[in-house]
Amino acid sequence: MSAPEARTVRAGRRTVQVHRPAKVLFPGDGGGAEEYTKADLVDYYRSVAAFMLPHLRGRPLMLERHPDGVDGPRFMQKNTPEHYPEWISRVELPKEDGTVCHTVCEDTASLVYLADQACLTFHRWLSRTGSIDTPDRLVFDLDPPGDDFPAVRQAARWLGELLDELRLPSAPMTTGSRGLHVVVPLSGRQDFEAVRQFARDVAELLAAGHPDRLTTAARKKDRGDRLYLDVQRNAYAQTAVAPFTVRALPGAPVAVPITWDQLDDPGLHARRWSIADAVDQARTNPWAGLMGRGRALGPARRRLDALRG
């Protein structure tokens, strides 16, 4: 009996057609990576929607689509196609040579529809549509030269201690790839230039304290075997992977928020969770209350300048 060509899914107040639900997006590799279909992807995003949508609502997106699965071509989609239904939110934003009509994911139905479009990974802006030039998130991307997660773990601890000294709330997130993101909620009063300069100064201070282990060198050839403290995402039109998004890698790993205490878990690594179990971590609410504690950078800037001398 052939697989059904479409399946109807209830998502909030809407029903969404899922086409070719049996389409394999993540082939198994015989080495431990499980096989997952489009139906599995849709079911995951529907189950995690309540935890993921607060991190997506009101934010322009870049959508990473793999219509033929992770082994096929990748499409990084900024413009919203005309065939998307009218109930999918959009925002038109300026760029150098015109405008871009970004998709904005506001509800479960939109999340399911985009999964049906083989959107595996959601890359979100750090600002919202109502105040597009002033980010309310700051992101440090801890990028190791290889799969050295102990180095990531140590760098995250050092960074967390420094942010505590600056009296800024922060939280780590596995990226589903190799490293961690450390996210700082902001009040949304400073522009991107001020936020990125602050992030750069924090990273440079941390790297200066551990010059054999950390670097802010943008060029790979200048990094050696040191972990890269990447702050380049803190700029207009740049994006970071959203919490609970799936990554286009074997086994469908997921970017998952964690607590600082979970850094001590010996089983932790960047691909610790997949679509099979990420919702279990989501239900523990690891960032409880944190993202609503956005701070202005003025006091932290004064403390940072004092530490820098």
C-alpha atoms as a PDB file:
ATOM      1  CA  MET A   1       0.000   0.000   0.000  1.00  0.00           C
ATOM      2  CA  SER A   2       1.465   3.368  -1.017  1.00  0.00           C
ATOM      3  CA  ALA A   3       2.095   6.139   1.509  1.00  0.00           C
ATOM      4  CA  PRO A   4      -0.533   8.921   1.646  1.00  0.00           C
ATOM      5  CA  GLU A   5       0.258  12.012  -0.411  1.00  0.00           C
ATOM      6  CA  ALA A   6      -1.129  14.385   2.227  1.00  0.00           C
ATOM      7  CA  ARG A   7      -2.206  14.476   5.837  1.00  0.00           C
ATOM      8  CA  THR A   8      -4.386  17.040   7.614  1.00  0.00           C
ATOM      9  CA  VAL A   9      -3.006  18.365  10.900  1.00  0.00           C
ATOM     10  CA  ARG A  10      -4.876  20.405  13.473  1.00  0.00           C
ATOM     11  CA  ALA A  11      -2.765  23.356  14.647  1.00  0.00           C
ATOM     12  CA  GLY A  12      -4.484  25.740  17.001  1.00  0.00           C
ATOM     13  CA  ARG A  13      -7.576  27.151  15.292  1.00  0.00           C
ATOM     14  CA  ARG A  14      -6.479  26.044  11.830  1.00  0.00           C
ATOM     15  CA  THR A  15      -5.963  22.855   9.907  1.00  0.00           C
ATOM     16  CA  VAL A  16      -2.835  22.539   7.783  1.00  0.00           C
ATOM     17  CA  GLN A  17      -2.161  20.143   4.934  1.00  0.00           C
ATOM     18  CA  VAL A  18       1.110  18.241   5.269  1.00  0.00           C
ATOM     19  CA  HIS A  19       2.236  17.010   1.872  1.00  0.00           C
ATOM     20  CA  ARG A  20       4.273  13.823   1.421  1.00  0.00           C
ATOM     21  CA  PRO A  21       4.435  13.154   5.182  1.00  0.00           C
ATOM     22  CA  ALA A  22       6.455   9.960   4.626  1.00  0.00           C
ATOM     23  CA  LYS A  23       9.227  11.897   2.848  1.00  0.00           C
ATOM     24  CA  VAL A  24      12.514  11.092   4.596  1.00  0.00           C
ATOM     25  CA  LEU A  25      14.271  14.319   5.587  1.00  0.00           C
ATOM     26  CA  PHE A  26      16.895  12.801   7.893  1.00  0.00           C
ATOM     27  CA  PRO A  27      18.145   9.431   6.591  1.00  0.00           C
ATOM     28  CA  GLY A  28      19.468   6.966   9.145  1.00  0.00           C
ATOM     29  CA  ASP A  29      23.174   6.335   8.786  1.00  0.00           C
ATOM     30  CA  GLY A  30      23.578   2.946  10.443  1.00  0.00           C
ATOM     31  CA  GLY A  31      25.867   4.530  13.015  1.00  0.00           C
ATOM     32  CA  GLY A  32      23.308   5.622  15.552  1.00  0.00           C
ATOM     33  CA  ALA A  33      21.611   8.484  13.696  1.00  0.00           C
ATOM     34  CA  GLU A  34      17.869   7.806  13.481  1.00  0.00           C
ATOM     35  CA  GLU A  35      15.732   8.253  10.370  1.00  0.00           C
ATOM     36  CA  TYR A  36      13.087  10.982  10.533  1.00  0.00           C
ATOM     37  CA  THR A  37      10.365  11.908   8.060  1.00  0.00           C
ATOM     38  CA  LYS A  38       8.500  15.129   7.354  1.00  0.00           C
ATOM     39  CA  ALA A  39       5.686  13.827   9.549  1.00  0.00           C
ATOM     40  CA  ASP A  40       8.194  13.452  12.400  1.00  0.00           C
ATOM     41  CA  LEU A  41       9.365  17.033  11.857  1.00  0.00           C
ATOM     42  CA  VAL A  42       5.796  18.359  11.850  1.00  0.00           C
ATOM     43  CA  ASP A  43       4.893  16.391  14.968  1.00  0.00           C
ATOM     44  CA  TYR A  44       7.974  17.708  16.764  1.00  0.00           C
ATOM     45  CA  TYR A  45       7.302  21.353  15.925  1.00  0.00           C
ATOM     46  CA  ARG A  46       3.649  20.995  16.903  1.00  0.00           C
ATOM     47  CA  SER A  47       4.607  19.447  20.243  1.00  0.00           C
ATOM     48  CA  VAL A  48       7.226  22.093  21.058  1.00  0.00           C
ATOM     49  CA  ALA A  49       5.236  25.093  19.766  1.00  0.00           C
ATOM     50  CA  ALA A  50       4.188  26.396  23.199  1.00  0.00           C
ATOM     51  CA  PHE A  51       7.839  26.613  24.243  1.00  0.00           C
ATOM     52  CA  MET A  52       9.305  27.779  20.926  1.00  0.00           C
ATOM     53  CA  LEU A  53       6.827  30.437  19.788  1.00  0.00           C
ATOM     54  CA  PRO A  54       7.726  32.976  22.528  1.00  0.00           C
ATOM     55  CA  HIS A  55      11.204  33.050  20.967  1.00  0.00           C
ATOM     56  CA  LEU A  56       9.842  33.556  17.421  1.00  0.00           C
ATOM     57  CA  ARG A  57       6.856  35.894  17.718  1.00  0.00           C
ATOM     58  CA  GLY A  58       7.414  39.358  16.332  1.00  0.00           C
ATOM     59  CA  ARG A  59      10.833  38.504  14.887  1.00  0.00           C
ATOM     60  CA  PRO A  60      11.820  38.450  11.208  1.00  0.00           C
ATOM     61  CA  LEU A  61      13.096  35.035  10.159  1.00  0.00           C
ATOM     62  CA  MET A  62      15.516  33.493   7.740  1.00  0.00           C
ATOM     63  CA  LEU A  63      14.248  30.007   6.925  1.00  0.00           C
ATOM     64  CA  GLU A  64      16.638  27.158   6.176  1.00  0.00           C
ATOM     65  CA  ARG A  65      14.776  24.792   3.854  1.00  0.00           C
ATOM     66  CA  HIS A  66      15.788  21.307   2.656  1.00  0.00           C
ATOM     67  CA  PRO A  67      12.983  20.075   0.344  1.00  0.00           C
ATOM     68  CA  ASP A  68      14.897  16.875  -0.481  1.00  0.00           C
ATOM     69  CA  GLY A  69      16.187  16.304   3.033  1.00  0.00           C
ATOM     70  CA  VAL A  70      19.528  17.041   4.630  1.00  0.00           C
ATOM     71  CA  ASP A  71      21.403  15.290   1.807  1.00  0.00           C
ATOM     72  CA  GLY A  72      19.838  17.557  -0.823  1.00  0.00           C
ATOM     73  CA  PRO A  73      20.165  21.254  -1.701  1.00  0.00           C
ATOM     74  CA  ARG A  74      19.820  23.891   1.010  1.00  0.00           C
ATOM     75  CA  PHE A  75      17.810  27.078   0.514  1.00  0.00           C
ATOM     76  CA  MET A  76      18.304  30.066   2.841  1.00  0.00           C
ATOM     77  CA  GLN A  77      14.988  31.863   2.397  1.00  0.00           C
ATOM     78  CA  LYS A  78      14.565  35.499   3.423  1.00  0.00           C
ATOM     79  CA  ASN A  79      11.735  36.645   1.121  1.00  0.00           C
ATOM     80  CA  THR A  80       8.303  35.172   1.780  1.00  0.00           C
ATOM     81  CA  PRO A  81       6.998  33.415  -1.372  1.00  0.00           C
ATOM     82  CA  GLU A  82       3.751  34.752  -2.836  1.00  0.00           C
ATOM     83  CA  HIS A  83       2.064  31.345  -2.546  1.00  0.00           C
ATOM     84  CA  TYR A  84       2.263  31.337   1.267  1.00  0.00           C
ATOM     85  CA  PRO A  85      -1.240  31.697   2.772  1.00  0.00           C
ATOM     86  CA  GLU A  86      -2.387  35.166   3.793  1.00  0.00           C
ATOM     87  CA  TRP A  87      -2.532  34.164   7.470  1.00  0.00           C
ATOM     88  CA  ILE A  88       1.267  33.756   7.552  1.00  0.00           C
ATOM     89  CA  SER A  89       2.594  37.031   9.009  1.00  0.00           C
ATOM     90  CA  ARG A  90       5.155  39.081   7.092  1.00  0.00           C
ATOM     91  CA  VAL A  91       7.207  42.202   7.603  1.00  0.00           C
ATOM     92  CA  GLU A  92       8.898  44.262   4.882  1.00  0.00           C
ATOM     93  CA  LEU A  93      12.276  45.623   5.923  1.00  0.00           C
ATOM     94  CA  PRO A  94      14.902  47.731   4.172  1.00  0.00           C
ATOM     95  CA  LYS A  95      18.166  46.352   2.847  1.00  0.00           C
ATOM     96  CA  GLU A  96      20.951  47.972   0.830  1.00  0.00           C
ATOM     97  CA  ASP A  97      19.325  47.689  -2.584  1.00  0.00           C
ATOM     98  CA  GLY A  98      15.630  47.538  -1.711  1.00  0.00           C
ATOM     99  CA  THR A  99      13.495  45.618   0.758  1.00  0.00           C
ATOM    100  CA  VAL A 100      12.959  42.075   1.982  1.00  0.00           C
ATOM    101  CA  CYS A 101       9.562  40.642   2.971  1.00  0.00           C
ATOM    102  CA  HIS A 102      10.490  38.381   5.890  1.00  0.00           C
ATOM    103  CA  THR A 103       8.258  35.668   7.294  1.00  0.00           C
ATOM    104  CA  VAL A 104       7.219  36.073  10.943  1.00  0.00           C
ATOM    105  CA  CYS A 105       6.011  32.970  12.807  1.00  0.00           C
ATOM    106  CA  GLU A 106       3.254  33.941  15.215  1.00  0.00           C
ATOM    107  CA  ASP A 107       1.334  30.720  15.902  1.00  0.00           C
ATOM    108  CA  THR A 108       1.367  26.929  15.800  1.00  0.00           C
ATOM    109  CA  ALA A 109      -0.310  26.790  12.391  1.00  0.00           C
ATOM    110  CA  SER A 110       2.492  28.907  10.898  1.00  0.00           C
ATOM    111  CA  LEU A 111       5.088  26.664  12.510  1.00  0.00           C
ATOM    112  CA  VAL A 112       3.439  23.543  11.077  1.00  0.00           C
ATOM    113  CA  TYR A 113       3.014  25.132   7.644  1.00  0.00           C
ATOM    114  CA  LEU A 114       6.696  26.065   7.507  1.00  0.00           C
ATOM    115  CA  ALA A 115       7.667  22.534   8.570  1.00  0.00           C
ATOM    116  CA  ASP A 116       5.571  21.266   5.650  1.00  0.00           C
ATOM    117  CA  GLN A 117       7.687  23.542   3.432  1.00  0.00           C
ATOM    118  CA  ALA A 118      10.703  21.525   4.691  1.00  0.00           C
ATOM    119  CA  CYS A 119      11.935  24.387   6.839  1.00  0.00           C
ATOM    120  CA  LEU A 120      14.218  22.542   9.207  1.00  0.00           C
ATOM    121  CA  THR A 121      15.957  25.453  10.921  1.00  0.00           C
ATOM    122  CA  PHE A 122      14.554  28.803  12.046  1.00  0.00           C
ATOM    123  CA  HIS A 123      17.120  31.617  12.158  1.00  0.00           C
ATOM    124  CA  ARG A 124      15.677  34.623  14.000  1.00  0.00           C
ATOM    125  CA  TRP A 125      16.568  38.285  14.246  1.00  0.00           C
ATOM    126  CA  LEU A 126      17.669  39.615  17.640  1.00  0.00           C
ATOM    127  CA  SER A 127      15.212  42.534  17.365  1.00  0.00           C
ATOM    128  CA  ARG A 128      11.446  42.674  16.934  1.00  0.00           C
ATOM    129  CA  THR A 129       9.360  44.182  14.175  1.00  0.00           C
ATOM    130  CA  GLY A 130       8.118  47.016  16.399  1.00  0.00           C
ATOM    131  CA  SER A 131      11.652  48.217  17.220  1.00  0.00           C
ATOM    132  CA  ILE A 132      13.731  46.691  14.484  1.00  0.00           C
ATOM    133  CA  ASP A 133      16.882  48.784  15.075  1.00  0.00           C
ATOM    134  CA  THR A 134      17.168  48.046  18.810  1.00  0.00           C
ATOM    135  CA  PRO A 135      17.789  44.380  19.712  1.00  0.00           C
ATOM    136  CA  ASP A 136      16.389  42.850  22.878  1.00  0.00           C
ATOM    137  CA  ARG A 137      18.771  39.882  22.743  1.00  0.00           C
ATOM    138  CA  LEU A 138      22.571  39.710  22.750  1.00  0.00           C
ATOM    139  CA  VAL A 139      24.212  36.457  21.653  1.00  0.00           C
ATOM    140  CA  PHE A 140      27.714  35.105  22.202  1.00  0.00           C
ATOM    141  CA  ASP A 141      28.449  32.116  19.950  1.00  0.00           C
ATOM    142  CA  LEU A 142      31.094  29.811  21.449  1.00  0.00           C
ATOM    143  CA  ASP A 143      32.581  28.107  18.406  1.00  0.00           C
ATOM    144  CA  PRO A 144      35.261  25.435  18.988  1.00  0.00           C
ATOM    145  CA  PRO A 145      37.768  24.546  16.249  1.00  0.00           C
ATOM    146  CA  GLY A 146      36.514  20.942  16.246  1.00  0.00           C
ATOM    147  CA  ASP A 147      34.239  18.841  18.445  1.00  0.00           C
ATOM    148  CA  ASP A 148      36.016  19.819  21.670  1.00  0.00           C
ATOM    149  CA  PHE A 149      32.978  20.306  23.895  1.00  0.00           C
ATOM    150  CA  PRO A 150      34.965  20.447  27.177  1.00  0.00           C
ATOM    151  CA  ALA A 151      36.566  23.628  25.793  1.00  0.00           C
ATOM    152  CA  VAL A 152      33.080  25.009  25.080  1.00  0.00           C
ATOM    153  CA  ARG A 153      31.939  24.127  28.576  1.00  0.00           C
ATOM    154  CA  GLN A 154      34.911  25.923  30.163  1.00  0.00           C
ATOM    155  CA  ALA A 155      34.528  29.019  27.973  1.00  0.00           C
ATOM    156  CA  ALA A 156      30.840  29.210  28.867  1.00  0.00           C
ATOM    157  CA  ARG A 157      31.666  29.119  32.577  1.00  0.00           C
ATOM    158  CA  TRP A 158      34.199  31.926  32.196  1.00  0.00           C
ATOM    159  CA  LEU A 159      31.738  33.990  30.165  1.00  0.00           C
ATOM    160  CA  GLY A 160      28.919  33.377  32.643  1.00  0.00           C
ATOM    161  CA  GLU A 161      31.131  34.511  35.521  1.00  0.00           C
ATOM    162  CA  LEU A 162      32.064  37.697  33.673  1.00  0.00           C
ATOM    163  CA  LEU A 163      28.430  38.476  32.830  1.00  0.00           C
ATOM    164  CA  ASP A 164      27.539  37.922  36.496  1.00  0.00           C
ATOM    165  CA  GLU A 165      30.233  40.427  37.419  1.00  0.00           C
ATOM    166  CA  LEU A 166      28.628  42.872  34.988  1.00  0.00           C
ATOM    167  CA  ARG A 167      25.254  42.081  36.636  1.00  0.00           C
ATOM    168  CA  LEU A 168      23.703  40.876  33.408  1.00  0.00           C
ATOM    169  CA  PRO A 169      21.351  37.868  33.387  1.00  0.00           C
ATOM    170  CA  SER A 170      22.369  35.199  30.900  1.00  0.00           C
ATOM    171  CA  ALA A 171      21.526  31.674  29.823  1.00  0.00           C
ATOM    172  CA  PRO A 172      23.264  28.986  27.739  1.00  0.00           C
ATOM    173  CA  MET A 173      21.789  27.017  24.850  1.00  0.00           C
ATOM    174  CA  THR A 174      23.171  24.033  22.979  1.00  0.00           C
ATOM    175  CA  THR A 175      23.319  24.862  19.281  1.00  0.00           C
ATOM    176  CA  GLY A 176      22.578  21.363  17.996  1.00  0.00           C
ATOM    177  CA  SER A 177      25.840  21.617  16.062  1.00  0.00           C
ATOM    178  CA  ARG A 178      29.192  21.994  17.869  1.00  0.00           C
ATOM    179  CA  GLY A 179      29.035  24.762  20.436  1.00  0.00           C
ATOM    180  CA  LEU A 180      26.881  26.820  22.749  1.00  0.00           C
ATOM    181  CA  HIS A 181      25.146  30.168  22.551  1.00  0.00           C
ATOM    182  CA  VAL A 182      25.054  32.358  25.633  1.00  0.00           C
ATOM    183  CA  VAL A 183      22.045  34.674  25.428  1.00  0.00           C
ATOM    184  CA  VAL A 184      21.613  37.952  27.334  1.00  0.00           C
ATOM    185  CA  PRO A 185      18.131  39.570  27.451  1.00  0.00           C
ATOM    186  CA  LEU A 186      18.237  43.330  26.863  1.00  0.00           C
ATOM    187  CA  SER A 187      15.796  46.167  27.445  1.00  0.00           C
ATOM    188  CA  GLY A 188      15.837  47.020  23.728  1.00  0.00           C
ATOM    189  CA  ARG A 189      17.012  50.626  24.186  1.00  0.00           C
ATOM    190  CA  GLN A 190      20.441  50.475  22.523  1.00  0.00           C
ATOM    191  CA  ASP A 191      20.990  50.170  18.781  1.00  0.00           C
ATOM    192  CA  PHE A 192      22.824  47.324  17.106  1.00  0.00           C
ATOM    193  CA  GLU A 193      26.105  49.226  16.878  1.00  0.00           C
ATOM    194  CA  ALA A 194      26.212  49.831  20.638  1.00  0.00           C
ATOM    195  CA  VAL A 195      25.195  46.259  21.444  1.00  0.00           C
ATOM    196  CA  ARG A 196      27.755  44.688  19.117  1.00  0.00           C
ATOM    197  CA  GLN A 197      30.537  46.933  20.422  1.00  0.00           C
ATOM    198  CA  PHE A 198      29.647  45.959  23.982  1.00  0.00           C
ATOM    199  CA  ALA A 199      29.665  42.257  23.046  1.00  0.00           C
ATOM    200  CA  ARG A 200      33.001  42.686  21.277  1.00  0.00           C
ATOM    201  CA  ASP A 201      34.550  44.386  24.307  1.00  0.00           C
ATOM    202  CA  VAL A 202      33.294  41.624  26.616  1.00  0.00           C
ATOM    203  CA  ALA A 203      34.715  38.951  24.314  1.00  0.00           C
ATOM    204  CA  GLU A 204      38.064  40.724  23.990  1.00  0.00           C
ATOM    205  CA  LEU A 205      38.365  41.111  27.767  1.00  0.00           C
ATOM    206  CA  LEU A 206      37.618  37.426  28.267  1.00  0.00           C
ATOM    207  CA  ALA A 207      40.044  36.365  25.533  1.00  0.00           C
ATOM    208  CA  ALA A 208      42.773  38.574  27.012  1.00  0.00           C
ATOM    209  CA  GLY A 209      42.415  36.671  30.273  1.00  0.00           C
ATOM    210  CA  HIS A 210      42.778  33.287  28.533  1.00  0.00           C
ATOM    211  CA  PRO A 211      44.885  33.995  25.420  1.00  0.00           C
ATOM    212  CA  ASP A 212      45.921  30.357  24.928  1.00  0.00           C
ATOM    213  CA  ARG A 213      42.321  29.093  25.026  1.00  0.00           C
ATOM    214  CA  LEU A 214      40.123  31.829  23.543  1.00  0.00           C
ATOM    215  CA  THR A 215      40.227  34.201  20.580  1.00  0.00           C
ATOM    216  CA  THR A 216      38.145  36.885  18.882  1.00  0.00           C
ATOM    217  CA  ALA A 217      39.969  36.474  15.543  1.00  0.00           C
ATOM    218  CA  ALA A 218      37.383  36.420  12.760  1.00  0.00           C
ATOM    219  CA  ARG A 219      39.685  34.613  10.294  1.00  0.00           C
ATOM    220  CA  LYS A 220      40.070  30.891  10.893  1.00  0.00           C
ATOM    221  CA  LYS A 221      43.745  30.914  10.026  1.00  0.00           C
ATOM    222  CA  ASP A 222      44.380  33.283  12.942  1.00  0.00           C
ATOM    223  CA  ARG A 223      42.612  31.147  15.556  1.00  0.00           C
ATOM    224  CA  GLY A 224      44.830  28.086  15.749  1.00  0.00           C
ATOM    225  CA  ASP A 225      43.277  25.579  18.137  1.00  0.00           C
ATOM    226  CA  ARG A 226      41.574  28.240  20.258  1.00  0.00           C
ATOM    227  CA  LEU A 227      37.824  28.592  20.756  1.00  0.00           C
ATOM    228  CA  TYR A 228      36.309  31.500  18.824  1.00  0.00           C
ATOM    229  CA  LEU A 229      34.132  33.979  20.745  1.00  0.00           C
ATOM    230  CA  ASP A 230      31.848  35.066  17.922  1.00  0.00           C
ATOM    231  CA  VAL A 231      29.776  38.251  18.400  1.00  0.00           C
ATOM    232  CA  GLN A 232      29.081  38.966  14.716  1.00  0.00           C
ATOM    233  CA  ARG A 233      25.406  37.995  15.014  1.00  0.00           C
ATOM    234  CA  ASN A 234      24.744  41.167  16.995  1.00  0.00           C
ATOM    235  CA  ALA A 235      24.158  43.340  13.941  1.00  0.00           C
ATOM    236  CA  TYR A 236      21.236  44.531  11.832  1.00  0.00           C
ATOM    237  CA  ALA A 237      19.806  41.773   9.601  1.00  0.00           C
ATOM    238  CA  GLN A 238      22.016  39.103  11.197  1.00  0.00           C
ATOM    239  CA  THR A 239      20.357  36.067  12.739  1.00  0.00           C
ATOM    240  CA  ALA A 240      20.888  33.366  15.347  1.00  0.00           C
ATOM    241  CA  VAL A 241      19.313  29.912  15.513  1.00  0.00           C
ATOM    242  CA  ALA A 242      16.123  29.980  17.555  1.00  0.00           C
ATOM    243  CA  PRO A 243      15.678  27.981  20.755  1.00  0.00           C
ATOM    244  CA  PHE A 244      14.187  24.534  20.033  1.00  0.00           C
ATOM    245  CA  THR A 245      14.921  24.704  16.307  1.00  0.00           C
ATOM    246  CA  VAL A 246      16.049  21.561  14.478  1.00  0.00           C
ATOM    247  CA  ARG A 247      19.459  21.557  12.802  1.00  0.00           C
ATOM    248  CA  ALA A 248      20.059  20.106   9.336  1.00  0.00           C
ATOM    249  CA  LEU A 249      22.413  17.383  10.562  1.00  0.00           C
ATOM    250  CA  PRO A 250      22.167  13.581  10.835  1.00  0.00           C
ATOM    251  CA  GLY A 251      19.863  12.492  13.638  1.00  0.00           C
ATOM    252  CA  ALA A 252      17.901  15.796  13.662  1.00  0.00           C
ATOM    253  CA  PRO A 253      19.645  17.441  16.638  1.00  0.00           C
ATOM    254  CA  VAL A 254      17.942  20.418  18.263  1.00  0.00           C
ATOM    255  CA  ALA A 255      19.190  23.726  19.704  1.00  0.00           C
ATOM    256  CA  VAL A 256      18.024  23.503  23.319  1.00  0.00           C
ATOM    257  CA  PRO A 257      18.034  26.008  26.206  1.00  0.00           C
ATOM    258  CA  ILE A 258      19.715  24.700  29.340  1.00  0.00           C
ATOM    259  CA  THR A 259      20.434  25.951  32.856  1.00  0.00           C
ATOM    260  CA  TRP A 260      23.898  26.910  34.053  1.00  0.00           C
ATOM    261  CA  ASP A 261      23.836  23.895  36.381  1.00  0.00           C
ATOM    262  CA  GLN A 262      23.398  21.576  33.404  1.00  0.00           C
ATOM    263  CA  LEU A 263      26.867  22.541  32.196  1.00  0.00           C
ATOM    264  CA  ASP A 264      28.133  20.145  34.869  1.00  0.00           C
ATOM    265  CA  ASP A 265      26.305  17.179  33.315  1.00  0.00           C
ATOM    266  CA  PRO A 266      29.056  14.886  31.952  1.00  0.00           C
ATOM    267  CA  GLY A 267      26.661  13.695  29.232  1.00  0.00           C
ATOM    268  CA  LEU A 268      26.080  17.183  27.871  1.00  0.00           C
ATOM    269  CA  HIS A 269      27.239  18.041  24.354  1.00  0.00           C
ATOM    270  CA  ALA A 270      26.049  20.328  21.562  1.00  0.00           C
ATOM    271  CA  ARG A 271      23.886  17.611  19.958  1.00  0.00           C
ATOM    272  CA  ARG A 272      22.600  16.134  23.211  1.00  0.00           C
ATOM    273  CA  TRP A 273      18.912  16.484  22.236  1.00  0.00           C
ATOM    274  CA  SER A 274      17.068  15.597  19.034  1.00  0.00           C
ATOM    275  CA  ILE A 275      13.470  15.822  17.874  1.00  0.00           C
ATOM    276  CA  ALA A 276      12.919  12.544  19.761  1.00  0.00           C
ATOM    277  CA  ASP A 277      13.420  14.073  23.221  1.00  0.00           C
ATOM    278  CA  ALA A 278      13.921  17.870  23.071  1.00  0.00           C
ATOM    279  CA  VAL A 279      10.348  18.526  24.189  1.00  0.00           C
ATOM    280  CA  ASP A 280      11.132  16.757  27.483  1.00  0.00           C
ATOM    281  CA  GLN A 281      13.842  19.332  28.180  1.00  0.00           C
ATOM    282  CA  ALA A 282      11.479  22.124  27.092  1.00  0.00           C
ATOM    283  CA  ARG A 283       8.935  21.088  29.707  1.00  0.00           C
ATOM    284  CA  THR A 284      11.518  21.674  32.469  1.00  0.00           C
ATOM    285  CA  ASN A 285      11.381  25.397  31.538  1.00  0.00           C
ATOM    286  CA  PRO A 286      15.172  25.897  31.842  1.00  0.00           C
ATOM    287  CA  TRP A 287      14.998  29.664  31.191  1.00  0.00           C
ATOM    288  CA  ALA A 288      12.051  30.288  33.529  1.00  0.00           C
ATOM    289  CA  GLY A 289      11.513  34.048  33.904  1.00  0.00           C
ATOM    290  CA  LEU A 290      14.901  34.934  32.454  1.00  0.00           C
ATOM    291  CA  MET A 291      13.934  36.371  29.063  1.00  0.00           C
ATOM    292  CA  GLY A 292      11.638  38.893  30.735  1.00  0.00           C
ATOM    293  CA  ARG A 293      14.527  40.368  32.727  1.00  0.00           C
ATOM    294  CA  GLY A 294      16.008  42.476  29.941  1.00  0.00           C
ATOM    295  CA  ARG A 295      18.590  44.983  31.149  1.00  0.00           C
ATOM    296  CA  ALA A 296      19.858  48.265  29.804  1.00  0.00           C
ATOM    297  CA  LEU A 297      23.548  48.167  28.921  1.00  0.00           C
ATOM    298  CA  GLY A 298      24.492  51.519  30.477  1.00  0.00           C
ATOM    299  CA  PRO A 299      25.360  50.244  33.983  1.00  0.00           C
ATOM    300  CA  ALA A 300      27.008  47.114  32.551  1.00  0.00           C
ATOM    301  CA  ARG A 301      29.067  49.272  30.183  1.00  0.00           C
ATOM    302  CA  ARG A 302      30.385  51.314  33.123  1.00  0.00           C
ATOM    303  CA  ARG A 303      31.325  48.153  35.008  1.00  0.00           C
ATOM    304  CA  LEU A 304      32.977  46.715  31.894  1.00  0.00           C
ATOM    305  CA  ASP A 305      34.996  49.886  31.291  1.00  0.00           C
ATOM    306  CA  ALA A 306      36.190  49.769  34.889  1.00  0.00           C
ATOM    307  CA  LEU A 307      37.350  46.149  34.447  1.00  0.00           C
ATOM    308  CA  ARG A 308      39.124  47.089  31.221  1.00  0.00           C
ATOM    309  CA  GLY A 309      40.930  49.902  33.018  1.00  0.00           C
END
